Protein backbone atom coordinates (compact mmCIF):
# COMPACT_ATOMS: atom_id res chain seq x y z
CA MET A 1 20.54 18.94 -33.20
CA LYS A 2 19.47 21.08 -30.25
CA ARG A 3 18.70 20.01 -26.69
CA GLN A 4 15.49 22.06 -26.79
CA ASP A 5 14.21 19.85 -29.63
CA PHE A 6 13.53 17.19 -26.96
CA TYR A 7 11.60 19.35 -24.51
CA PHE A 8 8.05 18.59 -23.42
CA ASP A 9 5.90 20.11 -20.70
CA LEU A 10 5.22 17.79 -17.75
CA PRO A 11 2.94 18.66 -14.82
CA GLU A 12 4.79 17.86 -11.60
CA GLU A 13 1.90 15.82 -10.20
CA LEU A 14 2.45 13.21 -12.94
CA ILE A 15 5.89 12.27 -11.54
CA ALA A 16 5.27 8.93 -9.78
CA GLN A 17 6.47 9.04 -6.17
CA ASP A 18 5.64 5.48 -5.14
CA PRO A 19 5.66 2.07 -6.87
CA LEU A 20 2.31 0.36 -7.50
CA GLU A 21 1.46 -2.59 -5.27
CA ASP A 22 1.21 -4.89 -8.31
CA ARG A 23 4.22 -4.32 -10.56
CA SER A 24 2.50 -5.54 -13.72
CA SER A 25 -0.61 -3.35 -13.29
CA SER A 26 1.17 -0.25 -14.60
CA ARG A 27 -0.29 1.26 -17.74
CA LEU A 28 1.36 0.53 -21.10
CA LEU A 29 1.41 2.92 -24.03
CA VAL A 30 2.18 1.07 -27.28
CA LEU A 31 3.77 3.20 -30.00
CA ASP A 32 4.16 2.06 -33.62
CA LYS A 33 7.55 3.50 -34.62
CA ASN A 34 6.64 3.57 -38.31
CA THR A 35 3.18 5.14 -38.22
CA GLY A 36 3.19 6.94 -34.85
CA GLU A 37 -0.08 5.18 -33.95
CA VAL A 38 -0.68 4.88 -30.18
CA GLU A 39 -2.64 2.28 -28.19
CA HIS A 40 -3.32 2.14 -24.44
CA HIS A 41 -3.03 -1.07 -22.41
CA VAL A 42 -2.06 -2.51 -19.03
CA PHE A 43 1.52 -3.78 -18.71
CA LYS A 44 0.59 -7.44 -18.12
CA GLU A 45 -1.00 -7.42 -21.60
CA ILE A 46 2.47 -7.03 -23.13
CA THR A 47 2.53 -10.79 -23.82
CA SER A 48 0.10 -10.22 -26.71
CA TYR A 49 2.80 -8.16 -28.47
CA LEU A 50 5.54 -10.77 -28.04
CA LYS A 51 5.83 -13.59 -30.58
CA GLU A 52 7.32 -17.07 -30.45
CA GLY A 53 11.00 -16.89 -31.45
CA ASP A 54 11.47 -13.33 -30.22
CA CYS A 55 14.30 -12.62 -27.76
CA LEU A 56 13.61 -10.44 -24.71
CA VAL A 57 16.82 -8.84 -23.37
CA ILE A 58 16.82 -7.93 -19.66
CA ASN A 59 19.45 -6.19 -17.54
CA ASP A 60 20.06 -8.24 -14.37
CA THR A 61 22.10 -5.60 -12.52
CA LYS A 62 21.31 -5.12 -8.84
CA VAL A 63 21.16 -1.72 -7.14
CA LEU A 64 23.56 -1.12 -4.29
CA PRO A 65 21.92 0.49 -1.21
CA ALA A 66 24.57 3.13 -1.80
CA ARG A 67 23.21 6.12 0.14
CA LEU A 68 24.79 6.42 3.59
CA ILE A 69 23.92 9.00 6.23
CA GLY A 70 26.62 9.60 8.82
CA SER A 71 28.28 12.27 10.91
CA ARG A 72 31.76 13.72 11.03
CA VAL A 73 33.68 12.03 13.85
CA GLY A 74 33.80 14.27 16.91
CA THR A 75 30.84 16.41 15.81
CA ASP A 76 27.12 16.14 15.08
CA ALA A 77 27.60 17.45 11.54
CA ARG A 78 25.39 15.34 9.23
CA ILE A 79 27.09 14.08 6.08
CA GLU A 80 25.51 12.16 3.21
CA VAL A 81 27.71 9.83 1.15
CA LEU A 82 26.71 8.20 -2.12
CA LEU A 83 28.89 5.30 -3.27
CA LEU A 84 29.65 5.58 -6.99
CA LYS A 85 32.44 3.17 -7.86
CA ARG A 86 34.56 0.65 -5.95
CA LYS A 87 38.28 1.25 -6.45
CA GLU A 88 40.52 -1.05 -4.36
CA ASN A 89 41.33 -1.89 -0.72
CA ASP A 90 37.89 -0.72 0.44
CA ILE A 91 38.35 2.64 -1.28
CA TRP A 92 35.26 3.99 -3.06
CA GLU A 93 34.70 6.99 -5.28
CA THR A 94 31.80 8.86 -3.70
CA LEU A 95 29.60 11.91 -3.93
CA VAL A 96 29.53 13.75 -0.58
CA LYS A 97 27.07 16.37 0.66
CA PRO A 98 28.00 18.91 1.92
CA GLY A 99 31.40 18.68 0.22
CA LYS A 100 32.92 21.49 2.28
CA LYS A 101 32.69 19.28 5.38
CA ALA A 102 34.61 16.47 3.67
CA LYS A 103 38.18 17.67 3.30
CA VAL A 104 41.04 15.14 2.99
CA GLY A 105 41.55 13.52 6.40
CA THR A 106 37.91 13.91 7.50
CA LYS A 107 36.51 10.80 9.21
CA ILE A 108 32.81 9.97 8.93
CA SER A 109 30.98 7.51 11.19
CA PHE A 110 27.97 5.50 10.06
CA GLY A 111 25.72 3.39 12.28
CA GLU A 112 27.45 4.52 15.49
CA GLY A 113 30.83 3.38 14.25
CA LEU A 114 29.76 0.15 12.58
CA LEU A 115 31.32 1.65 9.46
CA VAL A 116 33.90 4.44 9.38
CA GLY A 117 35.11 6.26 6.27
CA GLU A 118 38.11 8.53 5.84
CA VAL A 119 38.39 10.98 2.92
CA VAL A 120 41.73 10.20 1.27
CA ALA A 121 41.51 12.32 -1.91
CA VAL A 122 39.40 14.77 -3.91
CA VAL A 123 39.06 13.79 -7.58
CA GLU A 124 37.31 15.13 -10.70
CA GLU A 125 33.99 16.94 -10.33
CA GLY A 126 34.64 17.23 -6.59
CA ASN A 127 34.00 13.53 -5.91
CA ARG A 128 35.77 12.09 -2.83
CA LEU A 129 37.77 8.91 -2.50
CA ILE A 130 36.84 7.38 0.85
CA GLN A 131 38.57 4.46 2.54
CA PHE A 132 36.21 2.41 4.72
CA THR A 133 37.09 0.40 7.83
CA TYR A 134 34.73 -2.09 9.46
CA GLU A 135 34.51 -5.54 11.01
CA GLY A 136 32.73 -8.27 9.08
CA ILE A 137 31.48 -8.25 5.47
CA PHE A 138 31.13 -4.87 3.76
CA GLU A 139 28.05 -5.85 1.69
CA GLU A 140 26.19 -7.04 4.80
CA ILE A 141 26.96 -3.81 6.66
CA LEU A 142 25.90 -1.78 3.63
CA ASP A 143 22.64 -3.72 3.41
CA GLN A 144 22.02 -2.89 7.07
CA LEU A 145 22.93 0.82 6.95
CA GLY A 146 22.47 1.89 3.33
CA GLN A 147 19.41 3.35 1.65
CA MET A 148 18.42 3.08 -2.00
CA PRO A 149 19.84 5.99 -4.04
CA LEU A 150 16.50 7.15 -5.43
CA PRO A 151 16.50 9.77 -8.21
CA PRO A 152 16.29 13.42 -7.08
CA TYR A 153 12.71 13.80 -8.39
CA ILE A 154 11.43 11.13 -5.95
CA THR A 155 10.87 12.80 -2.60
CA HIS A 156 8.89 10.06 -0.82
CA GLN A 157 10.67 7.57 1.45
CA LEU A 158 10.76 4.05 -0.04
CA GLN A 159 9.17 1.60 2.42
CA ASP A 160 10.53 -1.61 0.86
CA LYS A 161 14.06 -1.59 -0.65
CA ASN A 162 13.14 -4.44 -3.00
CA ARG A 163 10.66 -2.25 -4.86
CA TYR A 164 13.63 -0.42 -6.42
CA GLN A 165 15.01 -3.76 -7.66
CA THR A 166 13.81 -5.84 -10.59
CA VAL A 167 12.62 -9.34 -9.64
CA TYR A 168 15.55 -10.73 -11.67
CA ALA A 169 18.29 -8.50 -10.19
CA LYS A 170 21.44 -10.58 -9.64
CA HIS A 171 24.80 -8.79 -10.07
CA THR A 172 25.31 -5.93 -7.59
CA GLY A 173 26.84 -2.75 -8.93
CA SER A 174 24.24 -0.15 -9.97
CA ALA A 175 23.68 3.32 -8.54
CA ALA A 176 20.18 3.31 -10.06
CA ALA A 177 17.64 0.70 -11.14
CA PRO A 178 17.01 -0.26 -14.77
CA THR A 179 13.46 0.95 -14.23
CA ALA A 180 11.72 -0.53 -17.29
CA GLY A 181 12.29 -3.92 -15.67
CA LEU A 182 10.39 -2.96 -12.51
CA HIS A 183 7.09 -3.84 -14.23
CA PHE A 184 7.88 -7.55 -14.56
CA THR A 185 6.73 -10.20 -12.08
CA PRO A 186 8.00 -13.81 -11.86
CA GLN A 187 4.58 -14.95 -13.16
CA LEU A 188 4.75 -12.62 -16.18
CA LEU A 189 8.27 -13.81 -17.06
CA GLU A 190 7.04 -17.41 -16.81
CA GLU A 191 4.16 -16.67 -19.21
CA ILE A 192 6.60 -15.07 -21.65
CA GLU A 193 8.90 -18.12 -21.64
CA GLU A 194 5.94 -20.49 -21.99
CA LYS A 195 4.99 -18.59 -25.14
CA GLY A 196 8.34 -19.56 -26.73
CA ILE A 197 10.14 -16.26 -26.20
CA GLU A 198 13.77 -16.56 -25.13
CA ILE A 199 14.99 -14.35 -22.29
CA ALA A 200 18.61 -13.18 -22.56
CA ARG A 201 20.21 -11.76 -19.42
CA VAL A 202 22.85 -9.09 -19.86
CA THR A 203 24.42 -6.83 -17.25
CA LEU A 204 24.99 -3.08 -17.32
CA HIS A 205 25.72 -1.31 -14.05
CA VAL A 206 23.76 1.93 -14.19
CA GLY A 207 25.74 4.99 -13.12
CA LEU A 208 24.39 8.19 -11.58
CA GLY A 209 25.25 9.90 -14.86
CA THR A 210 21.97 8.47 -16.11
CA PHE A 211 20.27 11.37 -14.25
CA ARG A 212 22.78 13.98 -15.42
CA PRO A 213 20.99 16.59 -17.53
CA VAL A 214 22.24 17.60 -20.96
CA LYS A 215 23.52 21.13 -20.35
CA VAL A 216 24.94 21.98 -23.78
CA ASP A 217 22.71 23.43 -26.51
CA ASP A 218 24.18 21.24 -29.25
CA ILE A 219 23.65 17.64 -28.12
CA LEU A 220 26.74 16.49 -30.05
CA ASP A 221 28.84 18.37 -27.47
CA HIS A 222 27.41 16.29 -24.60
CA HIS A 223 29.85 13.87 -22.96
CA MET A 224 28.29 10.55 -21.91
CA HIS A 225 29.15 8.88 -18.61
CA SER A 226 30.93 5.52 -18.70
CA GLU A 227 29.19 2.32 -17.53
CA PHE A 228 30.41 -1.27 -17.19
CA TYR A 229 28.60 -4.01 -19.14
CA GLN A 230 28.89 -7.75 -19.64
CA ILE A 231 27.35 -10.29 -22.04
CA ASP A 232 27.94 -14.01 -21.60
CA GLN A 233 27.83 -16.82 -24.18
CA ASP A 234 24.27 -17.85 -23.35
CA ALA A 235 22.87 -14.34 -23.88
CA ALA A 236 24.91 -13.84 -27.08
CA ASP A 237 23.62 -17.14 -28.49
CA LYS A 238 19.98 -16.27 -27.77
CA ILE A 239 20.26 -12.81 -29.34
CA ASN A 240 22.09 -14.13 -32.42
CA ARG A 241 19.59 -16.97 -32.81
CA ALA A 242 16.66 -14.53 -32.89
CA LYS A 243 18.35 -12.28 -35.46
CA GLU A 244 19.43 -15.16 -37.70
CA SER A 245 15.94 -16.68 -37.73
CA GLY A 246 14.29 -13.38 -38.64
CA HIS A 247 12.73 -12.81 -35.22
CA ARG A 248 12.87 -9.65 -33.12
CA VAL A 249 15.19 -8.56 -30.32
CA ILE A 250 13.16 -6.64 -27.75
CA CYS A 251 15.20 -4.80 -25.13
CA VAL A 252 13.79 -4.09 -21.68
CA GLY A 253 15.03 -0.59 -20.95
CA THR A 254 17.56 1.80 -22.40
CA THR A 255 20.33 0.07 -20.42
CA SER A 256 19.74 -3.28 -22.17
CA CYS A 257 19.59 -1.40 -25.47
CA ARG A 258 22.89 0.39 -24.82
CA THR A 259 24.49 -2.92 -23.81
CA VAL A 260 23.63 -4.85 -26.98
CA GLU A 261 24.33 -1.89 -29.27
CA SER A 262 27.75 -1.36 -27.58
CA ALA A 263 28.66 -5.02 -27.98
CA ALA A 264 27.38 -5.54 -31.53
CA LYS A 265 29.64 -5.97 -34.53
CA GLU A 266 28.82 -3.98 -37.68
CA ASN A 267 26.83 -6.98 -38.98
CA GLY A 268 24.74 -7.05 -35.80
CA ARG A 269 26.36 -10.17 -34.38
CA ILE A 270 27.04 -10.36 -30.64
CA GLU A 271 30.06 -12.08 -29.11
CA PRO A 272 30.51 -12.67 -25.35
CA CYS A 273 32.32 -9.60 -24.00
CA SER A 274 32.65 -7.09 -21.19
CA GLY A 275 33.91 -3.54 -20.99
CA TRP A 276 32.98 0.10 -20.49
CA THR A 277 30.58 1.93 -22.77
CA GLU A 278 29.97 5.62 -23.39
CA ILE A 279 27.60 5.01 -26.30
CA PHE A 280 25.30 7.97 -27.01
CA ILE A 281 22.28 7.08 -29.12
CA TYR A 282 20.34 9.95 -30.72
CA PRO A 283 18.30 10.45 -33.92
CA GLY A 284 20.24 9.32 -36.98
CA TYR A 285 21.70 6.29 -35.18
CA GLN A 286 21.31 3.00 -37.07
CA PHE A 287 20.39 0.19 -34.67
CA LYS A 288 22.39 -3.01 -35.25
CA VAL A 289 20.51 -5.38 -32.91
CA LEU A 290 17.47 -3.83 -31.27
CA ASP A 291 14.09 -4.06 -33.01
CA CYS A 292 11.66 -3.07 -30.23
CA LEU A 293 12.01 -1.37 -26.86
CA ILE A 294 10.16 -1.53 -23.55
CA THR A 295 10.89 1.63 -21.61
CA ASN A 296 9.52 4.10 -19.07
CA PHE A 297 8.75 7.76 -19.75
CA HIS A 298 11.88 9.89 -19.53
CA LEU A 299 12.87 13.39 -18.46
CA PRO A 300 12.60 16.24 -20.97
CA GLU A 301 15.88 17.00 -22.80
CA SER A 302 17.53 13.83 -21.40
CA THR A 303 19.83 11.44 -23.29
CA LEU A 304 17.17 8.77 -22.72
CA ILE A 305 14.40 10.58 -24.60
CA MET A 306 16.99 11.15 -27.36
CA LEU A 307 17.63 7.38 -27.51
CA VAL A 308 13.90 6.65 -27.73
CA SER A 309 13.59 9.29 -30.47
CA ALA A 310 16.37 7.57 -32.43
CA LEU A 311 14.17 4.47 -32.58
CA ALA A 312 10.70 5.91 -33.14
CA GLY A 313 11.35 9.41 -34.52
CA ARG A 314 11.30 12.61 -32.47
CA GLU A 315 7.89 13.75 -33.72
CA HIS A 316 6.25 10.39 -32.98
CA VAL A 317 7.79 10.26 -29.50
CA LEU A 318 6.83 13.82 -28.52
CA GLU A 319 3.28 13.26 -29.78
CA ALA A 320 3.08 10.00 -27.76
CA TYR A 321 4.36 11.88 -24.69
CA ARG A 322 1.76 14.61 -25.25
CA GLN A 323 -0.96 11.94 -25.28
CA ALA A 324 0.54 10.29 -22.18
CA VAL A 325 0.32 13.62 -20.31
CA GLU A 326 -3.25 14.13 -21.54
CA GLU A 327 -4.20 10.60 -20.40
CA ARG A 328 -2.52 11.19 -17.00
CA TYR A 329 0.13 8.47 -17.30
CA ARG A 330 2.61 8.25 -14.40
CA PHE A 331 6.13 9.36 -15.35
CA PHE A 332 9.76 8.41 -14.62
CA SER A 333 11.25 5.64 -12.43
CA PHE A 334 8.11 4.40 -10.62
CA GLY A 335 5.84 5.40 -13.50
CA ASP A 336 4.10 3.65 -16.37
CA ALA A 337 5.69 2.00 -19.40
CA MET A 338 5.92 2.36 -23.15
CA LEU A 339 6.42 -0.34 -25.78
CA ILE A 340 7.86 0.78 -29.11
CA VAL A 341 7.18 -1.76 -31.88
């Protein structure tokens, strides 16, 4: 299976640069995975597609304001640091730009010395290990100094940090938002629960690898990034209950999908667990848990459009995307949504 099989042409002006004022007023394209039939709605109308007894799976990860702008101590040289993964003793694996200014021993000051980082090692792919020193609580300082690590295709400045968080974000640890969840409001979630739909909260901390393009021609040669996930007893019970009673499991976003499919036994049963997943879902994959998916529109030739194609069929997905372009839907992180039923 070739990477080019998942290409589609997208006019640049359809890439959403800003979130809508009302989260739930995004457009919603509904795709029937069996027939390829497409309908057009507004996101808040999604409740009419959810049935009593269904289980809605949401990813409650919280995005770290992980982008720090500082300067090399003793100079005015600007350095950008992106926190990727906490190691130990205030050491983080980071992505540094420009890398040539961040040799081992380099000290970087943020917020006029409120936070200072020293490069202690260079690791795989040129990432830097940085040890931070500060007074107080690291998370509070980061909240004060850090910016949201928006995807490279978003060039506008985000006015409100919370607009790159879901309303149910709880466990900090992501380098990017689970964007399908950005369409939900507290009121919409309340309506869903009142309709008798159970909401299961799982956690998958989204890594920056989610934006990494597939560079190999044969997609089977692509190596997936590793991400940490966790499912507790309550979420496992809700998912199992829906499956056992013949109801549907509807995942909000590819991250929720990858979480439940990583955790599932061969018979589709979920047990409470945590760990790291490198699951790569592409056409031919047999879903063990997921029945329906709420998702945004993804980049051409990305692992995410491959996952969506595994559920609904490549031809159906590319035709739905063609219609979305024709109808001027907004694409990617701050864009409109798709429901695959």
